[in-house]
Amino acid sequence: MNKFGFLVALSASAYATPQSPAQPADQFFTQMSTLCGKSFHGKLVAGDDSDASFATAKMQAHVRTCTDREIQISFDVGEDRSRTWIITRTDSGLRLKHRHMLKDGTEDPVSQYGGDTAQVGTATRQEFPVDAYSKAMFTKEGRTVSNTNVWAFEIDPGQTLTYELARPNRLFRVAFDVANPVAGANE
């Protein structure tokens, strides 16, 4: 390459847009996406006396709906199939919402609660502090104890997916075995 060609190439590279590294929320979302179309058995790994039914129930997570913007995970506890976790990309991170349905197929009055990531998090853990909408709904429904909730998902790739609810004097965690998907369970 002659000197002129070298200088043109060098100056062009100075104006090239550098590839920005993937943000932890994007890396986390990508990790979650690898679970799409699969179901997993879960077990209670932290709870209190109010969680006794979870300790003995068959629990499964079904990662059913996945797009480049949203992942929906159905969470079954025994015969109760009313819960869905919805993780959505936002301009600044991720959003978690909890959708609860009543037996008649209508949405529960305590539904669509959650929050947006407030911290960068990591590629394997994202936390979602309670948002203003959820606080207002919890207050209206007489559940003000939930106004300090922080939910989290944690991924140990190829091993576990853990859902967590934490607040003062409360820790609830369910770990799902992603190393052993449930055959034929994602209906």
C-alpha atoms as a PDB file:
ATOM      1  CA  MET A   1       0.000   0.000   0.000  1.00  0.00           C
ATOM      2  CA  ASN A   2       1.404   3.398  -0.868  1.00  0.00           C
ATOM      3  CA  LYS A   3       1.675   6.243   1.644  1.00  0.00           C
ATOM      4  CA  PHE A   4      -1.427   7.964   0.314  1.00  0.00           C
ATOM      5  CA  GLY A   5      -3.543   4.791   0.569  1.00  0.00           C
ATOM      6  CA  PHE A   6      -2.262   4.179   4.088  1.00  0.00           C
ATOM      7  CA  LEU A   7      -3.157   7.723   5.177  1.00  0.00           C
ATOM      8  CA  VAL A   8      -6.658   7.437   3.676  1.00  0.00           C
ATOM      9  CA  ALA A   9      -7.225   4.118   5.474  1.00  0.00           C
ATOM     10  CA  LEU A  10      -5.877   5.537   8.729  1.00  0.00           C
ATOM     11  CA  SER A  11      -8.011   8.668   8.605  1.00  0.00           C
ATOM     12  CA  ALA A  12     -11.124   6.645   7.680  1.00  0.00           C
ATOM     13  CA  SER A  13     -10.597   4.442  10.716  1.00  0.00           C
ATOM     14  CA  ALA A  14     -10.538   7.542  12.931  1.00  0.00           C
ATOM     15  CA  TYR A  15     -14.129   8.289  11.874  1.00  0.00           C
ATOM     16  CA  ALA A  16     -15.426   4.720  12.086  1.00  0.00           C
ATOM     17  CA  THR A  17     -18.091   4.171  14.700  1.00  0.00           C
ATOM     18  CA  PRO A  18     -16.673   1.885  17.355  1.00  0.00           C
ATOM     19  CA  GLN A  19     -18.745  -1.143  18.308  1.00  0.00           C
ATOM     20  CA  SER A  20     -20.030  -0.535  21.803  1.00  0.00           C
ATOM     21  CA  PRO A  21     -19.728  -3.522  24.095  1.00  0.00           C
ATOM     22  CA  ALA A  22     -22.967  -5.233  25.043  1.00  0.00           C
ATOM     23  CA  GLN A  23     -24.451  -3.802  28.216  1.00  0.00           C
ATOM     24  CA  PRO A  24     -25.082  -6.178  31.152  1.00  0.00           C
ATOM     25  CA  ALA A  25     -28.869  -5.945  30.606  1.00  0.00           C
ATOM     26  CA  ASP A  26     -28.405  -6.977  26.958  1.00  0.00           C
ATOM     27  CA  GLN A  27     -26.118  -9.831  27.974  1.00  0.00           C
ATOM     28  CA  PHE A  28     -28.648 -10.927  30.594  1.00  0.00           C
ATOM     29  CA  PHE A  29     -31.512 -10.785  28.067  1.00  0.00           C
ATOM     30  CA  THR A  30     -29.442 -12.878  25.652  1.00  0.00           C
ATOM     31  CA  GLN A  31     -28.806 -15.431  28.420  1.00  0.00           C
ATOM     32  CA  MET A  32     -32.544 -15.564  29.167  1.00  0.00           C
ATOM     33  CA  SER A  33     -33.302 -16.011  25.465  1.00  0.00           C
ATOM     34  CA  THR A  34     -31.321 -19.249  25.413  1.00  0.00           C
ATOM     35  CA  LEU A  35     -34.060 -20.750  27.598  1.00  0.00           C
ATOM     36  CA  CYS A  36     -36.844 -20.044  25.087  1.00  0.00           C
ATOM     37  CA  GLY A  37     -39.133 -22.936  24.298  1.00  0.00           C
ATOM     38  CA  LYS A  38     -38.064 -24.917  27.360  1.00  0.00           C
ATOM     39  CA  SER A  39     -39.574 -25.799  30.736  1.00  0.00           C
ATOM     40  CA  PHE A  40     -37.815 -26.407  34.030  1.00  0.00           C
ATOM     41  CA  HIS A  41     -38.581 -27.871  37.449  1.00  0.00           C
ATOM     42  CA  GLY A  42     -38.131 -25.500  40.374  1.00  0.00           C
ATOM     43  CA  LYS A  43     -37.734 -25.707  44.107  1.00  0.00           C
ATOM     44  CA  LEU A  44     -38.027 -23.262  46.957  1.00  0.00           C
ATOM     45  CA  VAL A  45     -34.527 -22.343  48.168  1.00  0.00           C
ATOM     46  CA  ALA A  46     -35.442 -19.469  50.520  1.00  0.00           C
ATOM     47  CA  GLY A  47     -38.724 -18.576  52.156  1.00  0.00           C
ATOM     48  CA  ASP A  48     -40.593 -18.256  55.415  1.00  0.00           C
ATOM     49  CA  ASP A  49     -43.672 -19.817  57.032  1.00  0.00           C
ATOM     50  CA  SER A  50     -45.997 -18.098  54.547  1.00  0.00           C
ATOM     51  CA  ASP A  51     -44.304 -20.072  51.746  1.00  0.00           C
ATOM     52  CA  ALA A  52     -45.189 -23.538  53.065  1.00  0.00           C
ATOM     53  CA  SER A  53     -47.334 -24.302  50.007  1.00  0.00           C
ATOM     54  CA  PHE A  54     -44.376 -23.533  47.725  1.00  0.00           C
ATOM     55  CA  ALA A  55     -42.103 -25.884  49.668  1.00  0.00           C
ATOM     56  CA  THR A  56     -44.265 -28.895  48.845  1.00  0.00           C
ATOM     57  CA  ALA A  57     -45.743 -27.921  45.470  1.00  0.00           C
ATOM     58  CA  LYS A  58     -44.531 -29.031  42.063  1.00  0.00           C
ATOM     59  CA  MET A  59     -43.176 -25.862  40.451  1.00  0.00           C
ATOM     60  CA  GLN A  60     -42.304 -25.314  36.809  1.00  0.00           C
ATOM     61  CA  ALA A  61     -41.201 -22.374  34.691  1.00  0.00           C
ATOM     62  CA  HIS A  62     -42.174 -22.419  31.005  1.00  0.00           C
ATOM     63  CA  VAL A  63     -40.239 -19.958  28.833  1.00  0.00           C
ATOM     64  CA  ARG A  64     -42.934 -19.748  26.179  1.00  0.00           C
ATOM     65  CA  THR A  65     -42.952 -16.397  24.430  1.00  0.00           C
ATOM     66  CA  CYS A  66     -39.728 -14.830  23.213  1.00  0.00           C
ATOM     67  CA  THR A  67     -39.107 -11.901  20.887  1.00  0.00           C
ATOM     68  CA  ASP A  68     -36.162  -9.545  20.556  1.00  0.00           C
ATOM     69  CA  ARG A  69     -37.953  -7.182  23.012  1.00  0.00           C
ATOM     70  CA  GLU A  70     -39.832  -9.470  25.417  1.00  0.00           C
ATOM     71  CA  ILE A  71     -39.651 -12.817  27.206  1.00  0.00           C
ATOM     72  CA  GLN A  72     -42.676 -14.319  28.963  1.00  0.00           C
ATOM     73  CA  ILE A  73     -42.231 -17.063  31.534  1.00  0.00           C
ATOM     74  CA  SER A  74     -45.241 -18.915  32.919  1.00  0.00           C
ATOM     75  CA  PHE A  75     -44.728 -19.964  36.540  1.00  0.00           C
ATOM     76  CA  ASP A  76     -46.861 -22.918  37.630  1.00  0.00           C
ATOM     77  CA  VAL A  77     -47.244 -23.814  41.294  1.00  0.00           C
ATOM     78  CA  GLY A  78     -49.065 -27.125  41.574  1.00  0.00           C
ATOM     79  CA  GLU A  79     -52.290 -26.751  39.581  1.00  0.00           C
ATOM     80  CA  ASP A  80     -52.138 -22.936  39.799  1.00  0.00           C
ATOM     81  CA  ARG A  81     -51.172 -21.627  36.368  1.00  0.00           C
ATOM     82  CA  SER A  82     -52.150 -18.004  36.990  1.00  0.00           C
ATOM     83  CA  ARG A  83     -48.681 -16.401  37.045  1.00  0.00           C
ATOM     84  CA  THR A  84     -46.533 -15.032  34.210  1.00  0.00           C
ATOM     85  CA  TRP A  85     -43.300 -13.088  34.480  1.00  0.00           C
ATOM     86  CA  ILE A  86     -42.742 -10.635  31.625  1.00  0.00           C
ATOM     87  CA  ILE A  87     -39.246  -9.254  31.012  1.00  0.00           C
ATOM     88  CA  THR A  88     -39.118  -6.421  28.482  1.00  0.00           C
ATOM     89  CA  ARG A  89     -36.235  -4.397  27.084  1.00  0.00           C
ATOM     90  CA  THR A  90     -36.466  -0.650  27.761  1.00  0.00           C
ATOM     91  CA  ASP A  91     -34.350   2.236  26.488  1.00  0.00           C
ATOM     92  CA  SER A  92     -32.301   2.145  29.691  1.00  0.00           C
ATOM     93  CA  GLY A  93     -32.359  -1.514  30.768  1.00  0.00           C
ATOM     94  CA  LEU A  94     -35.052  -4.079  31.511  1.00  0.00           C
ATOM     95  CA  ARG A  95     -38.545  -4.130  32.999  1.00  0.00           C
ATOM     96  CA  LEU A  96     -40.150  -6.966  34.966  1.00  0.00           C
ATOM     97  CA  LYS A  97     -43.913  -7.260  35.293  1.00  0.00           C
ATOM     98  CA  HIS A  98     -45.961  -9.942  37.027  1.00  0.00           C
ATOM     99  CA  ARG A  99     -49.241 -10.846  35.351  1.00  0.00           C
ATOM    100  CA  HIS A 100     -51.802 -12.739  37.454  1.00  0.00           C
ATOM    101  CA  MET A 101     -54.998 -14.187  36.025  1.00  0.00           C
ATOM    102  CA  LEU A 102     -58.156 -15.262  37.847  1.00  0.00           C
ATOM    103  CA  LYS A 103     -59.746 -18.673  37.260  1.00  0.00           C
ATOM    104  CA  ASP A 104     -62.392 -17.094  35.010  1.00  0.00           C
ATOM    105  CA  GLY A 105     -59.664 -15.878  32.638  1.00  0.00           C
ATOM    106  CA  THR A 106     -59.792 -12.211  33.628  1.00  0.00           C
ATOM    107  CA  GLU A 107     -56.843 -10.343  35.029  1.00  0.00           C
ATOM    108  CA  ASP A 108     -56.468 -10.280  38.800  1.00  0.00           C
ATOM    109  CA  PRO A 109     -56.770  -6.805  40.413  1.00  0.00           C
ATOM    110  CA  VAL A 110     -53.238  -7.400  41.760  1.00  0.00           C
ATOM    111  CA  SER A 111     -51.418  -7.761  38.455  1.00  0.00           C
ATOM    112  CA  GLN A 112     -48.917  -5.971  36.200  1.00  0.00           C
ATOM    113  CA  TYR A 113     -46.755  -5.069  39.176  1.00  0.00           C
ATOM    114  CA  GLY A 114     -42.980  -4.930  39.045  1.00  0.00           C
ATOM    115  CA  GLY A 115     -40.329  -2.408  38.138  1.00  0.00           C
ATOM    116  CA  ASP A 116     -37.451  -1.330  35.925  1.00  0.00           C
ATOM    117  CA  THR A 117     -33.783  -1.981  36.516  1.00  0.00           C
ATOM    118  CA  ALA A 118     -32.323   0.975  38.419  1.00  0.00           C
ATOM    119  CA  GLN A 119     -28.741  -0.286  38.446  1.00  0.00           C
ATOM    120  CA  VAL A 120     -26.622  -1.687  35.614  1.00  0.00           C
ATOM    121  CA  GLY A 121     -26.645  -5.173  37.135  1.00  0.00           C
ATOM    122  CA  THR A 122     -24.597  -7.954  35.593  1.00  0.00           C
ATOM    123  CA  ALA A 123     -24.867 -10.389  32.723  1.00  0.00           C
ATOM    124  CA  THR A 124     -26.105 -12.962  35.244  1.00  0.00           C
ATOM    125  CA  ARG A 125     -28.216 -10.912  37.690  1.00  0.00           C
ATOM    126  CA  GLN A 126     -30.725  -8.115  37.219  1.00  0.00           C
ATOM    127  CA  GLU A 127     -32.756  -6.440  39.999  1.00  0.00           C
ATOM    128  CA  PHE A 128     -36.106  -4.708  39.598  1.00  0.00           C
ATOM    129  CA  PRO A 129     -37.139  -2.316  42.419  1.00  0.00           C
ATOM    130  CA  VAL A 130     -40.862  -1.697  42.807  1.00  0.00           C
ATOM    131  CA  ASP A 131     -42.155   1.084  40.526  1.00  0.00           C
ATOM    132  CA  ALA A 132     -44.644   3.884  41.248  1.00  0.00           C
ATOM    133  CA  TYR A 133     -47.529   2.094  39.468  1.00  0.00           C
ATOM    134  CA  SER A 134     -46.998  -0.982  41.635  1.00  0.00           C
ATOM    135  CA  LYS A 135     -46.769   1.032  44.848  1.00  0.00           C
ATOM    136  CA  ALA A 136     -50.075   2.739  44.056  1.00  0.00           C
ATOM    137  CA  MET A 137     -51.739  -0.589  43.248  1.00  0.00           C
ATOM    138  CA  PHE A 138     -50.350  -2.284  46.374  1.00  0.00           C
ATOM    139  CA  THR A 139     -51.536   0.636  48.509  1.00  0.00           C
ATOM    140  CA  LYS A 140     -55.016   0.547  46.917  1.00  0.00           C
ATOM    141  CA  GLU A 141     -55.239  -3.224  47.485  1.00  0.00           C
ATOM    142  CA  GLY A 142     -54.059  -3.010  51.126  1.00  0.00           C
ATOM    143  CA  ARG A 143     -50.669  -4.615  50.461  1.00  0.00           C
ATOM    144  CA  THR A 144     -48.377  -1.761  51.472  1.00  0.00           C
ATOM    145  CA  VAL A 145     -45.808  -4.262  52.797  1.00  0.00           C
ATOM    146  CA  SER A 146     -44.962  -4.829  49.100  1.00  0.00           C
ATOM    147  CA  ASN A 147     -44.067  -1.156  48.524  1.00  0.00           C
ATOM    148  CA  THR A 148     -40.404  -1.940  49.237  1.00  0.00           C
ATOM    149  CA  ASN A 149     -40.166  -5.058  47.040  1.00  0.00           C
ATOM    150  CA  VAL A 150     -37.128  -5.708  44.899  1.00  0.00           C
ATOM    151  CA  TRP A 151     -37.429  -8.622  42.479  1.00  0.00           C
ATOM    152  CA  ALA A 152     -34.479 -10.245  40.775  1.00  0.00           C
ATOM    153  CA  PHE A 153     -33.610 -12.915  38.268  1.00  0.00           C
ATOM    154  CA  GLU A 154     -30.269 -14.633  38.381  1.00  0.00           C
ATOM    155  CA  ILE A 155     -28.799 -17.012  35.807  1.00  0.00           C
ATOM    156  CA  ASP A 156     -26.037 -19.530  36.377  1.00  0.00           C
ATOM    157  CA  PRO A 157     -25.685 -20.510  32.694  1.00  0.00           C
ATOM    158  CA  GLY A 158     -26.408 -24.158  32.067  1.00  0.00           C
ATOM    159  CA  GLN A 159     -27.244 -24.709  35.745  1.00  0.00           C
ATOM    160  CA  THR A 160     -29.992 -22.604  37.326  1.00  0.00           C
ATOM    161  CA  LEU A 161     -32.426 -19.756  36.799  1.00  0.00           C
ATOM    162  CA  THR A 162     -33.437 -18.158  40.095  1.00  0.00           C
ATOM    163  CA  TYR A 163     -36.373 -15.836  40.773  1.00  0.00           C
ATOM    164  CA  GLU A 164     -36.193 -13.705  43.914  1.00  0.00           C
ATOM    165  CA  LEU A 165     -38.452 -11.402  45.902  1.00  0.00           C
ATOM    166  CA  ALA A 166     -36.717  -9.420  48.646  1.00  0.00           C
ATOM    167  CA  ARG A 167     -37.765  -6.703  51.078  1.00  0.00           C
ATOM    168  CA  PRO A 168     -37.000  -6.011  54.731  1.00  0.00           C
ATOM    169  CA  ASN A 169     -37.661  -9.182  56.762  1.00  0.00           C
ATOM    170  CA  ARG A 170     -38.619 -11.160  53.625  1.00  0.00           C
ATOM    171  CA  LEU A 171     -36.662 -13.275  51.158  1.00  0.00           C
ATOM    172  CA  PHE A 172     -38.327 -15.646  48.703  1.00  0.00           C
ATOM    173  CA  ARG A 173     -36.275 -17.551  46.116  1.00  0.00           C
ATOM    174  CA  VAL A 174     -37.160 -20.309  43.667  1.00  0.00           C
ATOM    175  CA  ALA A 175     -34.373 -21.980  41.684  1.00  0.00           C
ATOM    176  CA  PHE A 176     -35.103 -23.754  38.395  1.00  0.00           C
ATOM    177  CA  ASP A 177     -32.881 -26.540  37.073  1.00  0.00           C
ATOM    178  CA  VAL A 178     -32.006 -25.383  33.542  1.00  0.00           C
ATOM    179  CA  ALA A 179     -29.461 -28.189  33.149  1.00  0.00           C
ATOM    180  CA  ASN A 180     -32.369 -30.660  32.885  1.00  0.00           C
ATOM    181  CA  PRO A 181     -35.277 -29.267  30.818  1.00  0.00           C
ATOM    182  CA  VAL A 182     -38.618 -31.000  31.334  1.00  0.00           C
ATOM    183  CA  ALA A 183     -39.382 -33.126  28.271  1.00  0.00           C
ATOM    184  CA  GLY A 184     -42.786 -32.421  26.704  1.00  0.00           C
ATOM    185  CA  ALA A 185     -43.802 -29.905  29.377  1.00  0.00           C
ATOM    186  CA  ASN A 186     -43.863 -26.737  27.266  1.00  0.00           C
ATOM    187  CA  GLU A 187     -47.447 -27.022  26.037  1.00  0.00           C
END
